[in-house]
Amino acid sequence: RLECKEYNGRNDEYQETDIHNGCTTGNAVFNWRIVYPHIVLPTQSCTMDISCFDANALTSDTLIGMVSIDIRKYVEKVARDLEALTATADLAFMPVSSEEDGGKEAEAQAGDPSAEGQDPAGRIQFEFYIYTQSEANEKPAGLARGPPNEHPPLTTPAEGRGWGDVFAGFEFSLPSFGLFAKVLPLIIFTLLCLVGLKFVGLL
């Protein structure tokens, strides 16, 4: 989510990725493009909050953690130097605080992944591109992996996108019936015999 009052773009401030289903290793892959066009300068504040959720099909999603990135200094640098900026980030995201604190999310600034002495809930890796408005107009890019799929071109990950991955999140187990399981076939056979006798009129 982009937190910037001077954002005047057509895309929503809040943008979601797709879901990496059945992720058992914790290494989820998305290859997802988030685009915020037309940030007007000067700006008092410009931050981007990236949140990570555990997706649940039957209940609401569980917030795992988040990281808040101050991008104001980057957009101001591009506006000042009139040169595009490209960078790769590898940041820790912090766990949320308890519900007793009103569900407020813990924030970690870039370069300070262990803010407030908390252990990170995980890490997030991404690339970001900041252009001048004139260059951005010459390099249109679609949301997600949509057209125009450029700057950069993205492919759909093979991991976590199949039906097997979807159903991997559901675990089914039958209860142990013990001795009852051994006599269950006999009970079913007896019931079938009674139904058969009833049907031919012998009962």
C-alpha atoms as a PDB file:
ATOM      1  CA  ARG A   1       0.000   0.000   0.000  1.00  0.00           C
ATOM      2  CA  LEU A   2       1.265   3.459  -0.929  1.00  0.00           C
ATOM      3  CA  GLU A   3       0.911   6.147   1.730  1.00  0.00           C
ATOM      4  CA  CYS A   4       1.366   9.406  -0.150  1.00  0.00           C
ATOM      5  CA  LYS A   5      -1.107  12.302  -0.269  1.00  0.00           C
ATOM      6  CA  GLU A   6       0.575  13.652  -3.397  1.00  0.00           C
ATOM      7  CA  TYR A   7      -0.008  10.446  -5.349  1.00  0.00           C
ATOM      8  CA  ASN A   8      -2.203  11.323  -8.312  1.00  0.00           C
ATOM      9  CA  GLY A   9      -2.070   8.101 -10.314  1.00  0.00           C
ATOM     10  CA  ARG A  10      -4.867   6.026 -11.804  1.00  0.00           C
ATOM     11  CA  ASN A  11      -3.938   2.824  -9.972  1.00  0.00           C
ATOM     12  CA  ASP A  12      -5.169   2.012  -6.470  1.00  0.00           C
ATOM     13  CA  GLU A  13      -2.919   2.768  -3.532  1.00  0.00           C
ATOM     14  CA  TYR A  14      -3.649  -0.745  -2.235  1.00  0.00           C
ATOM     15  CA  GLN A  15      -2.529  -3.505  -4.628  1.00  0.00           C
ATOM     16  CA  GLU A  16      -2.500  -7.256  -3.991  1.00  0.00           C
ATOM     17  CA  THR A  17      -0.425 -10.050  -5.505  1.00  0.00           C
ATOM     18  CA  ASP A  18      -1.737 -13.471  -6.432  1.00  0.00           C
ATOM     19  CA  ILE A  19      -1.425 -16.421  -4.010  1.00  0.00           C
ATOM     20  CA  HIS A  20       1.410 -18.907  -3.762  1.00  0.00           C
ATOM     21  CA  ASN A  21      -0.618 -21.971  -2.738  1.00  0.00           C
ATOM     22  CA  GLY A  22       0.698 -24.830  -0.631  1.00  0.00           C
ATOM     23  CA  CYS A  23       3.941 -23.087   0.296  1.00  0.00           C
ATOM     24  CA  THR A  24       5.590 -25.436   2.802  1.00  0.00           C
ATOM     25  CA  THR A  25       9.136 -24.026   2.669  1.00  0.00           C
ATOM     26  CA  GLY A  26       8.237 -20.407   3.365  1.00  0.00           C
ATOM     27  CA  ASN A  27       9.919 -19.295   0.127  1.00  0.00           C
ATOM     28  CA  ALA A  28       6.942 -17.874  -1.772  1.00  0.00           C
ATOM     29  CA  VAL A  29       7.431 -16.560  -5.324  1.00  0.00           C
ATOM     30  CA  PHE A  30       5.163 -13.987  -6.980  1.00  0.00           C
ATOM     31  CA  ASN A  31       6.770 -12.145  -9.945  1.00  0.00           C
ATOM     32  CA  TRP A  32       4.183  -9.406  -9.586  1.00  0.00           C
ATOM     33  CA  ARG A  33       4.348  -5.841 -10.822  1.00  0.00           C
ATOM     34  CA  ILE A  34       2.993  -2.998  -8.699  1.00  0.00           C
ATOM     35  CA  VAL A  35       2.766   0.350 -10.456  1.00  0.00           C
ATOM     36  CA  TYR A  36       2.280   3.800  -8.921  1.00  0.00           C
ATOM     37  CA  PRO A  37       2.274   6.412 -11.694  1.00  0.00           C
ATOM     38  CA  HIS A  38       2.367  10.166 -11.195  1.00  0.00           C
ATOM     39  CA  ILE A  39       3.635  11.019  -7.728  1.00  0.00           C
ATOM     40  CA  VAL A  40       3.549  14.822  -7.543  1.00  0.00           C
ATOM     41  CA  LEU A  41       6.497  16.586  -5.933  1.00  0.00           C
ATOM     42  CA  PRO A  42       7.209  18.072  -3.491  1.00  0.00           C
ATOM     43  CA  THR A  43       5.727  15.566  -1.067  1.00  0.00           C
ATOM     44  CA  GLN A  44       5.659  15.671   2.716  1.00  0.00           C
ATOM     45  CA  SER A  45       5.660  11.913   3.110  1.00  0.00           C
ATOM     46  CA  CYS A  46       5.808   8.961   0.741  1.00  0.00           C
ATOM     47  CA  THR A  47       6.042   5.457   2.131  1.00  0.00           C
ATOM     48  CA  MET A  48       5.173   2.015   0.807  1.00  0.00           C
ATOM     49  CA  ASP A  49       3.920  -0.681   3.180  1.00  0.00           C
ATOM     50  CA  ILE A  50       4.448  -4.291   2.102  1.00  0.00           C
ATOM     51  CA  SER A  51       2.456  -6.843   4.089  1.00  0.00           C
ATOM     52  CA  CYS A  52       2.708 -10.627   3.987  1.00  0.00           C
ATOM     53  CA  PHE A  53      -0.367 -12.772   4.653  1.00  0.00           C
ATOM     54  CA  ASP A  54      -1.039 -16.456   5.173  1.00  0.00           C
ATOM     55  CA  ALA A  55      -3.969 -17.071   2.821  1.00  0.00           C
ATOM     56  CA  ASN A  56      -6.833 -19.124   4.266  1.00  0.00           C
ATOM     57  CA  ALA A  57      -9.638 -20.449   2.078  1.00  0.00           C
ATOM     58  CA  LEU A  58     -12.100 -21.043   4.919  1.00  0.00           C
ATOM     59  CA  THR A  59     -11.255 -18.181   7.273  1.00  0.00           C
ATOM     60  CA  SER A  60      -9.840 -14.687   6.960  1.00  0.00           C
ATOM     61  CA  ASP A  61      -6.218 -14.286   5.927  1.00  0.00           C
ATOM     62  CA  THR A  62      -3.640 -14.090   8.722  1.00  0.00           C
ATOM     63  CA  LEU A  63      -1.212 -11.185   8.691  1.00  0.00           C
ATOM     64  CA  ILE A  64       2.311 -12.537   9.180  1.00  0.00           C
ATOM     65  CA  GLY A  65       4.292  -9.314   9.108  1.00  0.00           C
ATOM     66  CA  MET A  66       5.084  -6.133   7.216  1.00  0.00           C
ATOM     67  CA  VAL A  67       7.800  -3.685   6.287  1.00  0.00           C
ATOM     68  CA  SER A  68       7.436   0.050   5.704  1.00  0.00           C
ATOM     69  CA  ILE A  69       9.771   1.669   3.166  1.00  0.00           C
ATOM     70  CA  ASP A  70      10.371   5.407   2.951  1.00  0.00           C
ATOM     71  CA  ILE A  71      10.582   6.088  -0.808  1.00  0.00           C
ATOM     72  CA  ARG A  72      10.407   9.863  -0.550  1.00  0.00           C
ATOM     73  CA  LYS A  73      14.193  10.252  -0.738  1.00  0.00           C
ATOM     74  CA  TYR A  74      14.300   8.107  -3.880  1.00  0.00           C
ATOM     75  CA  VAL A  75      11.607   9.985  -5.798  1.00  0.00           C
ATOM     76  CA  GLU A  76      13.184  13.288  -4.786  1.00  0.00           C
ATOM     77  CA  LYS A  77      16.584  12.113  -6.027  1.00  0.00           C
ATOM     78  CA  VAL A  78      15.128  11.129  -9.412  1.00  0.00           C
ATOM     79  CA  ALA A  79      13.332  14.468  -9.696  1.00  0.00           C
ATOM     80  CA  ARG A  80      16.509  16.353  -8.779  1.00  0.00           C
ATOM     81  CA  ASP A  81      18.983  14.431 -10.977  1.00  0.00           C
ATOM     82  CA  LEU A  82      16.516  13.668 -13.816  1.00  0.00           C
ATOM     83  CA  GLU A  83      17.896  10.134 -13.937  1.00  0.00           C
ATOM     84  CA  ALA A  84      16.005   6.884 -13.384  1.00  0.00           C
ATOM     85  CA  LEU A  85      16.825   4.846 -10.317  1.00  0.00           C
ATOM     86  CA  THR A  86      16.820   1.052 -10.146  1.00  0.00           C
ATOM     87  CA  ALA A  87      17.598  -0.952  -7.038  1.00  0.00           C
ATOM     88  CA  THR A  88      17.222  -4.425  -5.563  1.00  0.00           C
ATOM     89  CA  ALA A  89      16.052  -4.723  -1.969  1.00  0.00           C
ATOM     90  CA  ASP A  90      16.333  -7.577   0.505  1.00  0.00           C
ATOM     91  CA  LEU A  91      14.514  -6.513   3.661  1.00  0.00           C
ATOM     92  CA  ALA A  92      13.254  -8.163   6.811  1.00  0.00           C
ATOM     93  CA  PHE A  93       9.580  -7.772   7.586  1.00  0.00           C
ATOM     94  CA  MET A  94       8.473  -7.630  11.168  1.00  0.00           C
ATOM     95  CA  PRO A  95       5.708  -9.573  12.936  1.00  0.00           C
ATOM     96  CA  VAL A  96       2.529  -7.814  13.919  1.00  0.00           C
ATOM     97  CA  SER A  97       2.009  -6.763  17.498  1.00  0.00           C
ATOM     98  CA  SER A  98      -0.562  -8.405  19.718  1.00  0.00           C
ATOM     99  CA  GLU A  99      -4.270  -7.655  19.521  1.00  0.00           C
ATOM    100  CA  GLU A 100      -3.967  -6.009  22.923  1.00  0.00           C
ATOM    101  CA  ASP A 101      -2.179  -3.159  21.155  1.00  0.00           C
ATOM    102  CA  GLY A 102      -5.137  -2.714  18.833  1.00  0.00           C
ATOM    103  CA  GLY A 103      -3.652  -4.899  16.093  1.00  0.00           C
ATOM    104  CA  LYS A 104      -1.142  -2.210  15.174  1.00  0.00           C
ATOM    105  CA  GLU A 105       1.499  -3.518  12.803  1.00  0.00           C
ATOM    106  CA  ALA A 106       5.151  -3.321  13.749  1.00  0.00           C
ATOM    107  CA  GLU A 107       7.209  -1.347  11.278  1.00  0.00           C
ATOM    108  CA  ALA A 108      10.819  -1.857  10.180  1.00  0.00           C
ATOM    109  CA  GLN A 109      12.646   0.819   8.299  1.00  0.00           C
ATOM    110  CA  ALA A 110      15.024  -0.213   5.515  1.00  0.00           C
ATOM    111  CA  GLY A 111      18.457  -0.826   6.974  1.00  0.00           C
ATOM    112  CA  ASP A 112      17.051  -1.506  10.449  1.00  0.00           C
ATOM    113  CA  PRO A 113      15.445  -4.967  10.214  1.00  0.00           C
ATOM    114  CA  SER A 114      15.536  -5.610  13.954  1.00  0.00           C
ATOM    115  CA  ALA A 115      13.696  -2.482  15.002  1.00  0.00           C
ATOM    116  CA  GLU A 116      12.534  -2.421  18.608  1.00  0.00           C
ATOM    117  CA  GLY A 117      14.447  -5.624  19.342  1.00  0.00           C
ATOM    118  CA  GLN A 118      11.977  -7.843  17.516  1.00  0.00           C
ATOM    119  CA  ASP A 119      12.989 -10.893  15.538  1.00  0.00           C
ATOM    120  CA  PRO A 120      12.002 -10.703  11.846  1.00  0.00           C
ATOM    121  CA  ALA A 121       9.061 -12.782  10.665  1.00  0.00           C
ATOM    122  CA  GLY A 122      10.785 -13.304   7.307  1.00  0.00           C
ATOM    123  CA  ARG A 123      12.428 -11.530   4.408  1.00  0.00           C
ATOM    124  CA  ILE A 124      11.173 -10.017   1.182  1.00  0.00           C
ATOM    125  CA  GLN A 125      13.162  -9.479  -2.001  1.00  0.00           C
ATOM    126  CA  PHE A 126      12.056  -7.127  -4.746  1.00  0.00           C
ATOM    127  CA  GLU A 127      13.253  -4.698  -7.389  1.00  0.00           C
ATOM    128  CA  PHE A 128      11.969  -1.182  -7.770  1.00  0.00           C
ATOM    129  CA  TYR A 129      12.220   1.276 -10.620  1.00  0.00           C
ATOM    130  CA  ILE A 130      11.660   5.006 -10.248  1.00  0.00           C
ATOM    131  CA  TYR A 131      11.414   7.108 -13.403  1.00  0.00           C
ATOM    132  CA  THR A 132      10.898  10.747 -14.191  1.00  0.00           C
ATOM    133  CA  GLN A 133       7.362  11.373 -15.411  1.00  0.00           C
ATOM    134  CA  SER A 134       8.503  11.864 -19.015  1.00  0.00           C
ATOM    135  CA  GLU A 135      10.417   8.573 -19.027  1.00  0.00           C
ATOM    136  CA  ALA A 136       7.546   6.759 -17.309  1.00  0.00           C
ATOM    137  CA  ASN A 137       5.230   7.952 -20.088  1.00  0.00           C
ATOM    138  CA  GLU A 138       7.554   6.336 -22.623  1.00  0.00           C
ATOM    139  CA  LYS A 139       7.732   3.054 -20.678  1.00  0.00           C
ATOM    140  CA  PRO A 140       4.181   1.958 -19.898  1.00  0.00           C
ATOM    141  CA  ALA A 141       3.919  -1.129 -17.712  1.00  0.00           C
ATOM    142  CA  GLY A 142       0.832  -3.147 -16.866  1.00  0.00           C
ATOM    143  CA  LEU A 143      -0.232  -4.184 -13.406  1.00  0.00           C
ATOM    144  CA  ALA A 144       0.661  -7.657 -12.180  1.00  0.00           C
ATOM    145  CA  ARG A 145       1.788  -9.562 -15.281  1.00  0.00           C
ATOM    146  CA  GLY A 146      -0.731  -7.857 -17.529  1.00  0.00           C
ATOM    147  CA  PRO A 147      -0.093  -6.007 -20.778  1.00  0.00           C
ATOM    148  CA  PRO A 148       2.068  -4.258 -21.541  1.00  0.00           C
ATOM    149  CA  ASN A 149       4.211  -6.851 -19.763  1.00  0.00           C
ATOM    150  CA  GLU A 150       7.377  -4.780 -19.823  1.00  0.00           C
ATOM    151  CA  HIS A 151       9.780  -2.915 -17.533  1.00  0.00           C
ATOM    152  CA  PRO A 152      10.484  -5.629 -16.575  1.00  0.00           C
ATOM    153  CA  PRO A 153       8.781  -8.534 -18.387  1.00  0.00           C
ATOM    154  CA  LEU A 154       7.454 -11.088 -15.905  1.00  0.00           C
ATOM    155  CA  THR A 155       6.507 -14.751 -16.163  1.00  0.00           C
ATOM    156  CA  THR A 156       4.032 -16.691 -14.038  1.00  0.00           C
ATOM    157  CA  PRO A 157       5.903 -18.811 -11.475  1.00  0.00           C
ATOM    158  CA  ALA A 158       5.487 -22.572 -11.786  1.00  0.00           C
ATOM    159  CA  GLU A 159       5.557 -23.019  -8.018  1.00  0.00           C
ATOM    160  CA  GLY A 160       2.337 -22.803  -6.047  1.00  0.00           C
ATOM    161  CA  ARG A 161      -0.004 -22.206  -8.993  1.00  0.00           C
ATOM    162  CA  GLY A 162      -1.353 -25.712  -9.781  1.00  0.00           C
ATOM    163  CA  TRP A 163      -4.506 -27.409  -8.483  1.00  0.00           C
ATOM    164  CA  GLY A 164      -2.348 -29.796  -6.486  1.00  0.00           C
ATOM    165  CA  ASP A 165      -0.875 -26.829  -4.647  1.00  0.00           C
ATOM    166  CA  VAL A 166      -4.358 -25.469  -3.937  1.00  0.00           C
ATOM    167  CA  PHE A 167      -5.573 -28.705  -2.343  1.00  0.00           C
ATOM    168  CA  ALA A 168      -2.267 -29.235  -0.534  1.00  0.00           C
ATOM    169  CA  GLY A 169      -3.470 -26.711   2.025  1.00  0.00           C
ATOM    170  CA  PHE A 170      -6.347 -28.995   3.045  1.00  0.00           C
ATOM    171  CA  GLU A 171      -5.460 -31.872   5.323  1.00  0.00           C
ATOM    172  CA  PHE A 172      -7.997 -34.645   5.780  1.00  0.00           C
ATOM    173  CA  SER A 173      -7.667 -37.415   8.357  1.00  0.00           C
ATOM    174  CA  LEU A 174     -10.162 -40.045   9.387  1.00  0.00           C
ATOM    175  CA  PRO A 175     -10.599 -40.857  13.077  1.00  0.00           C
ATOM    176  CA  SER A 176      -9.348 -44.179  14.387  1.00  0.00           C
ATOM    177  CA  PHE A 177     -12.321 -46.453  15.115  1.00  0.00           C
ATOM    178  CA  GLY A 178     -10.275 -49.205  16.789  1.00  0.00           C
ATOM    179  CA  LEU A 179     -12.271 -52.443  17.238  1.00  0.00           C
ATOM    180  CA  PHE A 180     -15.332 -50.852  15.612  1.00  0.00           C
ATOM    181  CA  ALA A 181     -13.418 -50.640  12.324  1.00  0.00           C
ATOM    182  CA  LYS A 182     -12.981 -54.434  12.348  1.00  0.00           C
ATOM    183  CA  VAL A 183     -16.675 -55.215  12.833  1.00  0.00           C
ATOM    184  CA  LEU A 184     -17.953 -52.438  10.561  1.00  0.00           C
ATOM    185  CA  PRO A 185     -17.929 -54.620   7.403  1.00  0.00           C
ATOM    186  CA  LEU A 186     -19.990 -57.280   9.232  1.00  0.00           C
ATOM    187  CA  ILE A 187     -22.525 -54.661  10.355  1.00  0.00           C
ATOM    188  CA  ILE A 188     -22.875 -53.320   6.812  1.00  0.00           C
ATOM    189  CA  PHE A 189     -23.299 -56.859   5.427  1.00  0.00           C
ATOM    190  CA  THR A 190     -26.001 -57.609   8.004  1.00  0.00           C
ATOM    191  CA  LEU A 191     -27.879 -54.416   7.140  1.00  0.00           C
ATOM    192  CA  LEU A 192     -27.749 -55.262   3.443  1.00  0.00           C
ATOM    193  CA  CYS A 193     -29.126 -58.739   4.164  1.00  0.00           C
ATOM    194  CA  LEU A 194     -32.016 -57.284   6.161  1.00  0.00           C
ATOM    195  CA  VAL A 195     -32.812 -54.862   3.339  1.00  0.00           C
ATOM    196  CA  GLY A 196     -32.769 -57.724   0.856  1.00  0.00           C
ATOM    197  CA  LEU A 197     -35.083 -59.873   2.976  1.00  0.00           C
ATOM    198  CA  LYS A 198     -37.447 -56.929   3.393  1.00  0.00           C
ATOM    199  CA  PHE A 199     -37.463 -56.376  -0.339  1.00  0.00           C
ATOM    200  CA  VAL A 200     -38.475 -60.003  -1.152  1.00  0.00           C
ATOM    201  CA  GLY A 201     -41.120 -59.974   1.576  1.00  0.00           C
ATOM    202  CA  LEU A 202     -39.530 -62.377   4.005  1.00  0.00           C
ATOM    203  CA  LEU A 203     -39.532 -59.775   6.789  1.00  0.00           C
END
